[in-house]
Amino acid sequence: GGTRRGRYYPVPCPDFALAVRDAL
């Protein structure tokens, strides 16, 4: 938002990536 145009969250494996993606 505002001037902040992107971000990321590091995860150890694809299963966690999917879980974080689904939660957000």
PDBML (XML) file of the C-alpha atoms, coordinates in Angstrom:
<?xml version="1.0" encoding="UTF-8" ?>
<PDBx:datablock datablockName="MODEL"
   xmlns:PDBx="http://pdbml.pdb.org/schema/pdbx-v50.xsd"
   xmlns:xsi="http://www.w3.org/2001/XMLSchema-instance"
   xsi:schemaLocation="http://pdbml.pdb.org/schema/pdbx-v50.xsd pdbx-v50.xsd">
   <PDBx:atom_siteCategory>
      <PDBx:atom_site id="1">
         <PDBx:B_iso_or_equiv>0.00</PDBx:B_iso_or_equiv>
         <PDBx:Cartn_x>0.000</PDBx:Cartn_x>
         <PDBx:Cartn_y>0.000</PDBx:Cartn_y>
         <PDBx:Cartn_z>0.000</PDBx:Cartn_z>
         <PDBx:auth_asym_id>A</PDBx:auth_asym_id>
         <PDBx:auth_atom_id>CA</PDBx:auth_atom_id>
         <PDBx:auth_comp_id>GLY</PDBx:auth_comp_id>
         <PDBx:auth_seq_id>1</PDBx:auth_seq_id>
         <PDBx:group_PDB>ATOM</PDBx:group_PDB>
         <PDBx:label_alt_id xsi:nil="true" />
         <PDBx:label_asym_id>A</PDBx:label_asym_id>
         <PDBx:label_atom_id>CA</PDBx:label_atom_id>
         <PDBx:label_comp_id>GLY</PDBx:label_comp_id>
         <PDBx:label_entity_id>1</PDBx:label_entity_id>
         <PDBx:label_seq_id>1</PDBx:label_seq_id>
         <PDBx:occupancy>1.00</PDBx:occupancy>
         <PDBx:pdbx_PDB_model_num>1</PDBx:pdbx_PDB_model_num>
         <PDBx:type_symbol>C</PDBx:type_symbol>
      </PDBx:atom_site>
      <PDBx:atom_site id="2">
         <PDBx:B_iso_or_equiv>0.00</PDBx:B_iso_or_equiv>
         <PDBx:Cartn_x>1.113</PDBx:Cartn_x>
         <PDBx:Cartn_y>3.582</PDBx:Cartn_y>
         <PDBx:Cartn_z>-0.534</PDBx:Cartn_z>
         <PDBx:auth_asym_id>A</PDBx:auth_asym_id>
         <PDBx:auth_atom_id>CA</PDBx:auth_atom_id>
         <PDBx:auth_comp_id>GLY</PDBx:auth_comp_id>
         <PDBx:auth_seq_id>2</PDBx:auth_seq_id>
         <PDBx:group_PDB>ATOM</PDBx:group_PDB>
         <PDBx:label_alt_id xsi:nil="true" />
         <PDBx:label_asym_id>A</PDBx:label_asym_id>
         <PDBx:label_atom_id>CA</PDBx:label_atom_id>
         <PDBx:label_comp_id>GLY</PDBx:label_comp_id>
         <PDBx:label_entity_id>1</PDBx:label_entity_id>
         <PDBx:label_seq_id>2</PDBx:label_seq_id>
         <PDBx:occupancy>1.00</PDBx:occupancy>
         <PDBx:pdbx_PDB_model_num>1</PDBx:pdbx_PDB_model_num>
         <PDBx:type_symbol>C</PDBx:type_symbol>
      </PDBx:atom_site>
      <PDBx:atom_site id="3">
         <PDBx:B_iso_or_equiv>0.00</PDBx:B_iso_or_equiv>
         <PDBx:Cartn_x>4.712</PDBx:Cartn_x>
         <PDBx:Cartn_y>3.505</PDBx:Cartn_y>
         <PDBx:Cartn_z>-1.724</PDBx:Cartn_z>
         <PDBx:auth_asym_id>A</PDBx:auth_asym_id>
         <PDBx:auth_atom_id>CA</PDBx:auth_atom_id>
         <PDBx:auth_comp_id>THR</PDBx:auth_comp_id>
         <PDBx:auth_seq_id>3</PDBx:auth_seq_id>
         <PDBx:group_PDB>ATOM</PDBx:group_PDB>
         <PDBx:label_alt_id xsi:nil="true" />
         <PDBx:label_asym_id>A</PDBx:label_asym_id>
         <PDBx:label_atom_id>CA</PDBx:label_atom_id>
         <PDBx:label_comp_id>THR</PDBx:label_comp_id>
         <PDBx:label_entity_id>1</PDBx:label_entity_id>
         <PDBx:label_seq_id>3</PDBx:label_seq_id>
         <PDBx:occupancy>1.00</PDBx:occupancy>
         <PDBx:pdbx_PDB_model_num>1</PDBx:pdbx_PDB_model_num>
         <PDBx:type_symbol>C</PDBx:type_symbol>
      </PDBx:atom_site>
      <PDBx:atom_site id="4">
         <PDBx:B_iso_or_equiv>0.00</PDBx:B_iso_or_equiv>
         <PDBx:Cartn_x>5.142</PDBx:Cartn_x>
         <PDBx:Cartn_y>-0.136</PDBx:Cartn_y>
         <PDBx:Cartn_z>-0.684</PDBx:Cartn_z>
         <PDBx:auth_asym_id>A</PDBx:auth_asym_id>
         <PDBx:auth_atom_id>CA</PDBx:auth_atom_id>
         <PDBx:auth_comp_id>ARG</PDBx:auth_comp_id>
         <PDBx:auth_seq_id>4</PDBx:auth_seq_id>
         <PDBx:group_PDB>ATOM</PDBx:group_PDB>
         <PDBx:label_alt_id xsi:nil="true" />
         <PDBx:label_asym_id>A</PDBx:label_asym_id>
         <PDBx:label_atom_id>CA</PDBx:label_atom_id>
         <PDBx:label_comp_id>ARG</PDBx:label_comp_id>
         <PDBx:label_entity_id>1</PDBx:label_entity_id>
         <PDBx:label_seq_id>4</PDBx:label_seq_id>
         <PDBx:occupancy>1.00</PDBx:occupancy>
         <PDBx:pdbx_PDB_model_num>1</PDBx:pdbx_PDB_model_num>
         <PDBx:type_symbol>C</PDBx:type_symbol>
      </PDBx:atom_site>
      <PDBx:atom_site id="5">
         <PDBx:B_iso_or_equiv>0.00</PDBx:B_iso_or_equiv>
         <PDBx:Cartn_x>4.614</PDBx:Cartn_x>
         <PDBx:Cartn_y>-2.088</PDBx:Cartn_y>
         <PDBx:Cartn_z>-3.910</PDBx:Cartn_z>
         <PDBx:auth_asym_id>A</PDBx:auth_asym_id>
         <PDBx:auth_atom_id>CA</PDBx:auth_atom_id>
         <PDBx:auth_comp_id>ARG</PDBx:auth_comp_id>
         <PDBx:auth_seq_id>5</PDBx:auth_seq_id>
         <PDBx:group_PDB>ATOM</PDBx:group_PDB>
         <PDBx:label_alt_id xsi:nil="true" />
         <PDBx:label_asym_id>A</PDBx:label_asym_id>
         <PDBx:label_atom_id>CA</PDBx:label_atom_id>
         <PDBx:label_comp_id>ARG</PDBx:label_comp_id>
         <PDBx:label_entity_id>1</PDBx:label_entity_id>
         <PDBx:label_seq_id>5</PDBx:label_seq_id>
         <PDBx:occupancy>1.00</PDBx:occupancy>
         <PDBx:pdbx_PDB_model_num>1</PDBx:pdbx_PDB_model_num>
         <PDBx:type_symbol>C</PDBx:type_symbol>
      </PDBx:atom_site>
      <PDBx:atom_site id="6">
         <PDBx:B_iso_or_equiv>0.00</PDBx:B_iso_or_equiv>
         <PDBx:Cartn_x>5.439</PDBx:Cartn_x>
         <PDBx:Cartn_y>-5.668</PDBx:Cartn_y>
         <PDBx:Cartn_z>-2.977</PDBx:Cartn_z>
         <PDBx:auth_asym_id>A</PDBx:auth_asym_id>
         <PDBx:auth_atom_id>CA</PDBx:auth_atom_id>
         <PDBx:auth_comp_id>GLY</PDBx:auth_comp_id>
         <PDBx:auth_seq_id>6</PDBx:auth_seq_id>
         <PDBx:group_PDB>ATOM</PDBx:group_PDB>
         <PDBx:label_alt_id xsi:nil="true" />
         <PDBx:label_asym_id>A</PDBx:label_asym_id>
         <PDBx:label_atom_id>CA</PDBx:label_atom_id>
         <PDBx:label_comp_id>GLY</PDBx:label_comp_id>
         <PDBx:label_entity_id>1</PDBx:label_entity_id>
         <PDBx:label_seq_id>6</PDBx:label_seq_id>
         <PDBx:occupancy>1.00</PDBx:occupancy>
         <PDBx:pdbx_PDB_model_num>1</PDBx:pdbx_PDB_model_num>
         <PDBx:type_symbol>C</PDBx:type_symbol>
      </PDBx:atom_site>
      <PDBx:atom_site id="7">
         <PDBx:B_iso_or_equiv>0.00</PDBx:B_iso_or_equiv>
         <PDBx:Cartn_x>6.663</PDBx:Cartn_x>
         <PDBx:Cartn_y>-8.051</PDBx:Cartn_y>
         <PDBx:Cartn_z>-0.334</PDBx:Cartn_z>
         <PDBx:auth_asym_id>A</PDBx:auth_asym_id>
         <PDBx:auth_atom_id>CA</PDBx:auth_atom_id>
         <PDBx:auth_comp_id>ARG</PDBx:auth_comp_id>
         <PDBx:auth_seq_id>7</PDBx:auth_seq_id>
         <PDBx:group_PDB>ATOM</PDBx:group_PDB>
         <PDBx:label_alt_id xsi:nil="true" />
         <PDBx:label_asym_id>A</PDBx:label_asym_id>
         <PDBx:label_atom_id>CA</PDBx:label_atom_id>
         <PDBx:label_comp_id>ARG</PDBx:label_comp_id>
         <PDBx:label_entity_id>1</PDBx:label_entity_id>
         <PDBx:label_seq_id>7</PDBx:label_seq_id>
         <PDBx:occupancy>1.00</PDBx:occupancy>
         <PDBx:pdbx_PDB_model_num>1</PDBx:pdbx_PDB_model_num>
         <PDBx:type_symbol>C</PDBx:type_symbol>
      </PDBx:atom_site>
      <PDBx:atom_site id="8">
         <PDBx:B_iso_or_equiv>0.00</PDBx:B_iso_or_equiv>
         <PDBx:Cartn_x>7.495</PDBx:Cartn_x>
         <PDBx:Cartn_y>-11.688</PDBx:Cartn_y>
         <PDBx:Cartn_z>0.234</PDBx:Cartn_z>
         <PDBx:auth_asym_id>A</PDBx:auth_asym_id>
         <PDBx:auth_atom_id>CA</PDBx:auth_atom_id>
         <PDBx:auth_comp_id>TYR</PDBx:auth_comp_id>
         <PDBx:auth_seq_id>8</PDBx:auth_seq_id>
         <PDBx:group_PDB>ATOM</PDBx:group_PDB>
         <PDBx:label_alt_id xsi:nil="true" />
         <PDBx:label_asym_id>A</PDBx:label_asym_id>
         <PDBx:label_atom_id>CA</PDBx:label_atom_id>
         <PDBx:label_comp_id>TYR</PDBx:label_comp_id>
         <PDBx:label_entity_id>1</PDBx:label_entity_id>
         <PDBx:label_seq_id>8</PDBx:label_seq_id>
         <PDBx:occupancy>1.00</PDBx:occupancy>
         <PDBx:pdbx_PDB_model_num>1</PDBx:pdbx_PDB_model_num>
         <PDBx:type_symbol>C</PDBx:type_symbol>
      </PDBx:atom_site>
      <PDBx:atom_site id="9">
         <PDBx:B_iso_or_equiv>0.00</PDBx:B_iso_or_equiv>
         <PDBx:Cartn_x>7.503</PDBx:Cartn_x>
         <PDBx:Cartn_y>-14.228</PDBx:Cartn_y>
         <PDBx:Cartn_z>3.040</PDBx:Cartn_z>
         <PDBx:auth_asym_id>A</PDBx:auth_asym_id>
         <PDBx:auth_atom_id>CA</PDBx:auth_atom_id>
         <PDBx:auth_comp_id>TYR</PDBx:auth_comp_id>
         <PDBx:auth_seq_id>9</PDBx:auth_seq_id>
         <PDBx:group_PDB>ATOM</PDBx:group_PDB>
         <PDBx:label_alt_id xsi:nil="true" />
         <PDBx:label_asym_id>A</PDBx:label_asym_id>
         <PDBx:label_atom_id>CA</PDBx:label_atom_id>
         <PDBx:label_comp_id>TYR</PDBx:label_comp_id>
         <PDBx:label_entity_id>1</PDBx:label_entity_id>
         <PDBx:label_seq_id>9</PDBx:label_seq_id>
         <PDBx:occupancy>1.00</PDBx:occupancy>
         <PDBx:pdbx_PDB_model_num>1</PDBx:pdbx_PDB_model_num>
         <PDBx:type_symbol>C</PDBx:type_symbol>
      </PDBx:atom_site>
      <PDBx:atom_site id="10">
         <PDBx:B_iso_or_equiv>0.00</PDBx:B_iso_or_equiv>
         <PDBx:Cartn_x>10.181</PDBx:Cartn_x>
         <PDBx:Cartn_y>-16.978</PDBx:Cartn_y>
         <PDBx:Cartn_z>3.137</PDBx:Cartn_z>
         <PDBx:auth_asym_id>A</PDBx:auth_asym_id>
         <PDBx:auth_atom_id>CA</PDBx:auth_atom_id>
         <PDBx:auth_comp_id>PRO</PDBx:auth_comp_id>
         <PDBx:auth_seq_id>10</PDBx:auth_seq_id>
         <PDBx:group_PDB>ATOM</PDBx:group_PDB>
         <PDBx:label_alt_id xsi:nil="true" />
         <PDBx:label_asym_id>A</PDBx:label_asym_id>
         <PDBx:label_atom_id>CA</PDBx:label_atom_id>
         <PDBx:label_comp_id>PRO</PDBx:label_comp_id>
         <PDBx:label_entity_id>1</PDBx:label_entity_id>
         <PDBx:label_seq_id>10</PDBx:label_seq_id>
         <PDBx:occupancy>1.00</PDBx:occupancy>
         <PDBx:pdbx_PDB_model_num>1</PDBx:pdbx_PDB_model_num>
         <PDBx:type_symbol>C</PDBx:type_symbol>
      </PDBx:atom_site>
      <PDBx:atom_site id="11">
         <PDBx:B_iso_or_equiv>0.00</PDBx:B_iso_or_equiv>
         <PDBx:Cartn_x>9.057</PDBx:Cartn_x>
         <PDBx:Cartn_y>-20.565</PDBx:Cartn_y>
         <PDBx:Cartn_z>3.719</PDBx:Cartn_z>
         <PDBx:auth_asym_id>A</PDBx:auth_asym_id>
         <PDBx:auth_atom_id>CA</PDBx:auth_atom_id>
         <PDBx:auth_comp_id>VAL</PDBx:auth_comp_id>
         <PDBx:auth_seq_id>11</PDBx:auth_seq_id>
         <PDBx:group_PDB>ATOM</PDBx:group_PDB>
         <PDBx:label_alt_id xsi:nil="true" />
         <PDBx:label_asym_id>A</PDBx:label_asym_id>
         <PDBx:label_atom_id>CA</PDBx:label_atom_id>
         <PDBx:label_comp_id>VAL</PDBx:label_comp_id>
         <PDBx:label_entity_id>1</PDBx:label_entity_id>
         <PDBx:label_seq_id>11</PDBx:label_seq_id>
         <PDBx:occupancy>1.00</PDBx:occupancy>
         <PDBx:pdbx_PDB_model_num>1</PDBx:pdbx_PDB_model_num>
         <PDBx:type_symbol>C</PDBx:type_symbol>
      </PDBx:atom_site>
      <PDBx:atom_site id="12">
         <PDBx:B_iso_or_equiv>0.00</PDBx:B_iso_or_equiv>
         <PDBx:Cartn_x>10.950</PDBx:Cartn_x>
         <PDBx:Cartn_y>-23.866</PDBx:Cartn_y>
         <PDBx:Cartn_z>3.951</PDBx:Cartn_z>
         <PDBx:auth_asym_id>A</PDBx:auth_asym_id>
         <PDBx:auth_atom_id>CA</PDBx:auth_atom_id>
         <PDBx:auth_comp_id>PRO</PDBx:auth_comp_id>
         <PDBx:auth_seq_id>12</PDBx:auth_seq_id>
         <PDBx:group_PDB>ATOM</PDBx:group_PDB>
         <PDBx:label_alt_id xsi:nil="true" />
         <PDBx:label_asym_id>A</PDBx:label_asym_id>
         <PDBx:label_atom_id>CA</PDBx:label_atom_id>
         <PDBx:label_comp_id>PRO</PDBx:label_comp_id>
         <PDBx:label_entity_id>1</PDBx:label_entity_id>
         <PDBx:label_seq_id>12</PDBx:label_seq_id>
         <PDBx:occupancy>1.00</PDBx:occupancy>
         <PDBx:pdbx_PDB_model_num>1</PDBx:pdbx_PDB_model_num>
         <PDBx:type_symbol>C</PDBx:type_symbol>
      </PDBx:atom_site>
      <PDBx:atom_site id="13">
         <PDBx:B_iso_or_equiv>0.00</PDBx:B_iso_or_equiv>
         <PDBx:Cartn_x>8.857</PDBx:Cartn_x>
         <PDBx:Cartn_y>-25.984</PDBx:Cartn_y>
         <PDBx:Cartn_z>1.585</PDBx:Cartn_z>
         <PDBx:auth_asym_id>A</PDBx:auth_asym_id>
         <PDBx:auth_atom_id>CA</PDBx:auth_atom_id>
         <PDBx:auth_comp_id>CYS</PDBx:auth_comp_id>
         <PDBx:auth_seq_id>13</PDBx:auth_seq_id>
         <PDBx:group_PDB>ATOM</PDBx:group_PDB>
         <PDBx:label_alt_id xsi:nil="true" />
         <PDBx:label_asym_id>A</PDBx:label_asym_id>
         <PDBx:label_atom_id>CA</PDBx:label_atom_id>
         <PDBx:label_comp_id>CYS</PDBx:label_comp_id>
         <PDBx:label_entity_id>1</PDBx:label_entity_id>
         <PDBx:label_seq_id>13</PDBx:label_seq_id>
         <PDBx:occupancy>1.00</PDBx:occupancy>
         <PDBx:pdbx_PDB_model_num>1</PDBx:pdbx_PDB_model_num>
         <PDBx:type_symbol>C</PDBx:type_symbol>
      </PDBx:atom_site>
      <PDBx:atom_site id="14">
         <PDBx:B_iso_or_equiv>0.00</PDBx:B_iso_or_equiv>
         <PDBx:Cartn_x>6.009</PDBx:Cartn_x>
         <PDBx:Cartn_y>-25.873</PDBx:Cartn_y>
         <PDBx:Cartn_z>-0.958</PDBx:Cartn_z>
         <PDBx:auth_asym_id>A</PDBx:auth_asym_id>
         <PDBx:auth_atom_id>CA</PDBx:auth_atom_id>
         <PDBx:auth_comp_id>PRO</PDBx:auth_comp_id>
         <PDBx:auth_seq_id>14</PDBx:auth_seq_id>
         <PDBx:group_PDB>ATOM</PDBx:group_PDB>
         <PDBx:label_alt_id xsi:nil="true" />
         <PDBx:label_asym_id>A</PDBx:label_asym_id>
         <PDBx:label_atom_id>CA</PDBx:label_atom_id>
         <PDBx:label_comp_id>PRO</PDBx:label_comp_id>
         <PDBx:label_entity_id>1</PDBx:label_entity_id>
         <PDBx:label_seq_id>14</PDBx:label_seq_id>
         <PDBx:occupancy>1.00</PDBx:occupancy>
         <PDBx:pdbx_PDB_model_num>1</PDBx:pdbx_PDB_model_num>
         <PDBx:type_symbol>C</PDBx:type_symbol>
      </PDBx:atom_site>
      <PDBx:atom_site id="15">
         <PDBx:B_iso_or_equiv>0.00</PDBx:B_iso_or_equiv>
         <PDBx:Cartn_x>3.452</PDBx:Cartn_x>
         <PDBx:Cartn_y>-27.128</PDBx:Cartn_y>
         <PDBx:Cartn_z>1.584</PDBx:Cartn_z>
         <PDBx:auth_asym_id>A</PDBx:auth_asym_id>
         <PDBx:auth_atom_id>CA</PDBx:auth_atom_id>
         <PDBx:auth_comp_id>ASP</PDBx:auth_comp_id>
         <PDBx:auth_seq_id>15</PDBx:auth_seq_id>
         <PDBx:group_PDB>ATOM</PDBx:group_PDB>
         <PDBx:label_alt_id xsi:nil="true" />
         <PDBx:label_asym_id>A</PDBx:label_asym_id>
         <PDBx:label_atom_id>CA</PDBx:label_atom_id>
         <PDBx:label_comp_id>ASP</PDBx:label_comp_id>
         <PDBx:label_entity_id>1</PDBx:label_entity_id>
         <PDBx:label_seq_id>15</PDBx:label_seq_id>
         <PDBx:occupancy>1.00</PDBx:occupancy>
         <PDBx:pdbx_PDB_model_num>1</PDBx:pdbx_PDB_model_num>
         <PDBx:type_symbol>C</PDBx:type_symbol>
      </PDBx:atom_site>
      <PDBx:atom_site id="16">
         <PDBx:B_iso_or_equiv>0.00</PDBx:B_iso_or_equiv>
         <PDBx:Cartn_x>4.120</PDBx:Cartn_x>
         <PDBx:Cartn_y>-24.150</PDBx:Cartn_y>
         <PDBx:Cartn_z>3.850</PDBx:Cartn_z>
         <PDBx:auth_asym_id>A</PDBx:auth_asym_id>
         <PDBx:auth_atom_id>CA</PDBx:auth_atom_id>
         <PDBx:auth_comp_id>PHE</PDBx:auth_comp_id>
         <PDBx:auth_seq_id>16</PDBx:auth_seq_id>
         <PDBx:group_PDB>ATOM</PDBx:group_PDB>
         <PDBx:label_alt_id xsi:nil="true" />
         <PDBx:label_asym_id>A</PDBx:label_asym_id>
         <PDBx:label_atom_id>CA</PDBx:label_atom_id>
         <PDBx:label_comp_id>PHE</PDBx:label_comp_id>
         <PDBx:label_entity_id>1</PDBx:label_entity_id>
         <PDBx:label_seq_id>16</PDBx:label_seq_id>
         <PDBx:occupancy>1.00</PDBx:occupancy>
         <PDBx:pdbx_PDB_model_num>1</PDBx:pdbx_PDB_model_num>
         <PDBx:type_symbol>C</PDBx:type_symbol>
      </PDBx:atom_site>
      <PDBx:atom_site id="17">
         <PDBx:B_iso_or_equiv>0.00</PDBx:B_iso_or_equiv>
         <PDBx:Cartn_x>4.081</PDBx:Cartn_x>
         <PDBx:Cartn_y>-21.807</PDBx:Cartn_y>
         <PDBx:Cartn_z>0.854</PDBx:Cartn_z>
         <PDBx:auth_asym_id>A</PDBx:auth_asym_id>
         <PDBx:auth_atom_id>CA</PDBx:auth_atom_id>
         <PDBx:auth_comp_id>ALA</PDBx:auth_comp_id>
         <PDBx:auth_seq_id>17</PDBx:auth_seq_id>
         <PDBx:group_PDB>ATOM</PDBx:group_PDB>
         <PDBx:label_alt_id xsi:nil="true" />
         <PDBx:label_asym_id>A</PDBx:label_asym_id>
         <PDBx:label_atom_id>CA</PDBx:label_atom_id>
         <PDBx:label_comp_id>ALA</PDBx:label_comp_id>
         <PDBx:label_entity_id>1</PDBx:label_entity_id>
         <PDBx:label_seq_id>17</PDBx:label_seq_id>
         <PDBx:occupancy>1.00</PDBx:occupancy>
         <PDBx:pdbx_PDB_model_num>1</PDBx:pdbx_PDB_model_num>
         <PDBx:type_symbol>C</PDBx:type_symbol>
      </PDBx:atom_site>
      <PDBx:atom_site id="18">
         <PDBx:B_iso_or_equiv>0.00</PDBx:B_iso_or_equiv>
         <PDBx:Cartn_x>0.611</PDBx:Cartn_x>
         <PDBx:Cartn_y>-23.006</PDBx:Cartn_y>
         <PDBx:Cartn_z>-0.087</PDBx:Cartn_z>
         <PDBx:auth_asym_id>A</PDBx:auth_asym_id>
         <PDBx:auth_atom_id>CA</PDBx:auth_atom_id>
         <PDBx:auth_comp_id>LEU</PDBx:auth_comp_id>
         <PDBx:auth_seq_id>18</PDBx:auth_seq_id>
         <PDBx:group_PDB>ATOM</PDBx:group_PDB>
         <PDBx:label_alt_id xsi:nil="true" />
         <PDBx:label_asym_id>A</PDBx:label_asym_id>
         <PDBx:label_atom_id>CA</PDBx:label_atom_id>
         <PDBx:label_comp_id>LEU</PDBx:label_comp_id>
         <PDBx:label_entity_id>1</PDBx:label_entity_id>
         <PDBx:label_seq_id>18</PDBx:label_seq_id>
         <PDBx:occupancy>1.00</PDBx:occupancy>
         <PDBx:pdbx_PDB_model_num>1</PDBx:pdbx_PDB_model_num>
         <PDBx:type_symbol>C</PDBx:type_symbol>
      </PDBx:atom_site>
      <PDBx:atom_site id="19">
         <PDBx:B_iso_or_equiv>0.00</PDBx:B_iso_or_equiv>
         <PDBx:Cartn_x>-0.600</PDBx:Cartn_x>
         <PDBx:Cartn_y>-22.694</PDBx:Cartn_y>
         <PDBx:Cartn_z>3.519</PDBx:Cartn_z>
         <PDBx:auth_asym_id>A</PDBx:auth_asym_id>
         <PDBx:auth_atom_id>CA</PDBx:auth_atom_id>
         <PDBx:auth_comp_id>ALA</PDBx:auth_comp_id>
         <PDBx:auth_seq_id>19</PDBx:auth_seq_id>
         <PDBx:group_PDB>ATOM</PDBx:group_PDB>
         <PDBx:label_alt_id xsi:nil="true" />
         <PDBx:label_asym_id>A</PDBx:label_asym_id>
         <PDBx:label_atom_id>CA</PDBx:label_atom_id>
         <PDBx:label_comp_id>ALA</PDBx:label_comp_id>
         <PDBx:label_entity_id>1</PDBx:label_entity_id>
         <PDBx:label_seq_id>19</PDBx:label_seq_id>
         <PDBx:occupancy>1.00</PDBx:occupancy>
         <PDBx:pdbx_PDB_model_num>1</PDBx:pdbx_PDB_model_num>
         <PDBx:type_symbol>C</PDBx:type_symbol>
      </PDBx:atom_site>
      <PDBx:atom_site id="20">
         <PDBx:B_iso_or_equiv>0.00</PDBx:B_iso_or_equiv>
         <PDBx:Cartn_x>0.714</PDBx:Cartn_x>
         <PDBx:Cartn_y>-19.111</PDBx:Cartn_y>
         <PDBx:Cartn_z>3.861</PDBx:Cartn_z>
         <PDBx:auth_asym_id>A</PDBx:auth_asym_id>
         <PDBx:auth_atom_id>CA</PDBx:auth_atom_id>
         <PDBx:auth_comp_id>VAL</PDBx:auth_comp_id>
         <PDBx:auth_seq_id>20</PDBx:auth_seq_id>
         <PDBx:group_PDB>ATOM</PDBx:group_PDB>
         <PDBx:label_alt_id xsi:nil="true" />
         <PDBx:label_asym_id>A</PDBx:label_asym_id>
         <PDBx:label_atom_id>CA</PDBx:label_atom_id>
         <PDBx:label_comp_id>VAL</PDBx:label_comp_id>
         <PDBx:label_entity_id>1</PDBx:label_entity_id>
         <PDBx:label_seq_id>20</PDBx:label_seq_id>
         <PDBx:occupancy>1.00</PDBx:occupancy>
         <PDBx:pdbx_PDB_model_num>1</PDBx:pdbx_PDB_model_num>
         <PDBx:type_symbol>C</PDBx:type_symbol>
      </PDBx:atom_site>
      <PDBx:atom_site id="21">
         <PDBx:B_iso_or_equiv>0.00</PDBx:B_iso_or_equiv>
         <PDBx:Cartn_x>-0.708</PDBx:Cartn_x>
         <PDBx:Cartn_y>-18.166</PDBx:Cartn_y>
         <PDBx:Cartn_z>0.471</PDBx:Cartn_z>
         <PDBx:auth_asym_id>A</PDBx:auth_asym_id>
         <PDBx:auth_atom_id>CA</PDBx:auth_atom_id>
         <PDBx:auth_comp_id>ARG</PDBx:auth_comp_id>
         <PDBx:auth_seq_id>21</PDBx:auth_seq_id>
         <PDBx:group_PDB>ATOM</PDBx:group_PDB>
         <PDBx:label_alt_id xsi:nil="true" />
         <PDBx:label_asym_id>A</PDBx:label_asym_id>
         <PDBx:label_atom_id>CA</PDBx:label_atom_id>
         <PDBx:label_comp_id>ARG</PDBx:label_comp_id>
         <PDBx:label_entity_id>1</PDBx:label_entity_id>
         <PDBx:label_seq_id>21</PDBx:label_seq_id>
         <PDBx:occupancy>1.00</PDBx:occupancy>
         <PDBx:pdbx_PDB_model_num>1</PDBx:pdbx_PDB_model_num>
         <PDBx:type_symbol>C</PDBx:type_symbol>
      </PDBx:atom_site>
      <PDBx:atom_site id="22">
         <PDBx:B_iso_or_equiv>0.00</PDBx:B_iso_or_equiv>
         <PDBx:Cartn_x>-4.104</PDBx:Cartn_x>
         <PDBx:Cartn_y>-19.600</PDBx:Cartn_y>
         <PDBx:Cartn_z>1.394</PDBx:Cartn_z>
         <PDBx:auth_asym_id>A</PDBx:auth_asym_id>
         <PDBx:auth_atom_id>CA</PDBx:auth_atom_id>
         <PDBx:auth_comp_id>ASP</PDBx:auth_comp_id>
         <PDBx:auth_seq_id>22</PDBx:auth_seq_id>
         <PDBx:group_PDB>ATOM</PDBx:group_PDB>
         <PDBx:label_alt_id xsi:nil="true" />
         <PDBx:label_asym_id>A</PDBx:label_asym_id>
         <PDBx:label_atom_id>CA</PDBx:label_atom_id>
         <PDBx:label_comp_id>ASP</PDBx:label_comp_id>
         <PDBx:label_entity_id>1</PDBx:label_entity_id>
         <PDBx:label_seq_id>22</PDBx:label_seq_id>
         <PDBx:occupancy>1.00</PDBx:occupancy>
         <PDBx:pdbx_PDB_model_num>1</PDBx:pdbx_PDB_model_num>
         <PDBx:type_symbol>C</PDBx:type_symbol>
      </PDBx:atom_site>
      <PDBx:atom_site id="23">
         <PDBx:B_iso_or_equiv>0.00</PDBx:B_iso_or_equiv>
         <PDBx:Cartn_x>-4.118</PDBx:Cartn_x>
         <PDBx:Cartn_y>-17.826</PDBx:Cartn_y>
         <PDBx:Cartn_z>4.788</PDBx:Cartn_z>
         <PDBx:auth_asym_id>A</PDBx:auth_asym_id>
         <PDBx:auth_atom_id>CA</PDBx:auth_atom_id>
         <PDBx:auth_comp_id>ALA</PDBx:auth_comp_id>
         <PDBx:auth_seq_id>23</PDBx:auth_seq_id>
         <PDBx:group_PDB>ATOM</PDBx:group_PDB>
         <PDBx:label_alt_id xsi:nil="true" />
         <PDBx:label_asym_id>A</PDBx:label_asym_id>
         <PDBx:label_atom_id>CA</PDBx:label_atom_id>
         <PDBx:label_comp_id>ALA</PDBx:label_comp_id>
         <PDBx:label_entity_id>1</PDBx:label_entity_id>
         <PDBx:label_seq_id>23</PDBx:label_seq_id>
         <PDBx:occupancy>1.00</PDBx:occupancy>
         <PDBx:pdbx_PDB_model_num>1</PDBx:pdbx_PDB_model_num>
         <PDBx:type_symbol>C</PDBx:type_symbol>
      </PDBx:atom_site>
      <PDBx:atom_site id="24">
         <PDBx:B_iso_or_equiv>0.00</PDBx:B_iso_or_equiv>
         <PDBx:Cartn_x>-3.466</PDBx:Cartn_x>
         <PDBx:Cartn_y>-14.411</PDBx:Cartn_y>
         <PDBx:Cartn_z>3.170</PDBx:Cartn_z>
         <PDBx:auth_asym_id>A</PDBx:auth_asym_id>
         <PDBx:auth_atom_id>CA</PDBx:auth_atom_id>
         <PDBx:auth_comp_id>LEU</PDBx:auth_comp_id>
         <PDBx:auth_seq_id>24</PDBx:auth_seq_id>
         <PDBx:group_PDB>ATOM</PDBx:group_PDB>
         <PDBx:label_alt_id xsi:nil="true" />
         <PDBx:label_asym_id>A</PDBx:label_asym_id>
         <PDBx:label_atom_id>CA</PDBx:label_atom_id>
         <PDBx:label_comp_id>LEU</PDBx:label_comp_id>
         <PDBx:label_entity_id>1</PDBx:label_entity_id>
         <PDBx:label_seq_id>24</PDBx:label_seq_id>
         <PDBx:occupancy>1.00</PDBx:occupancy>
         <PDBx:pdbx_PDB_model_num>1</PDBx:pdbx_PDB_model_num>
         <PDBx:type_symbol>C</PDBx:type_symbol>
      </PDBx:atom_site>
   </PDBx:atom_siteCategory>
</PDBx:datablock>
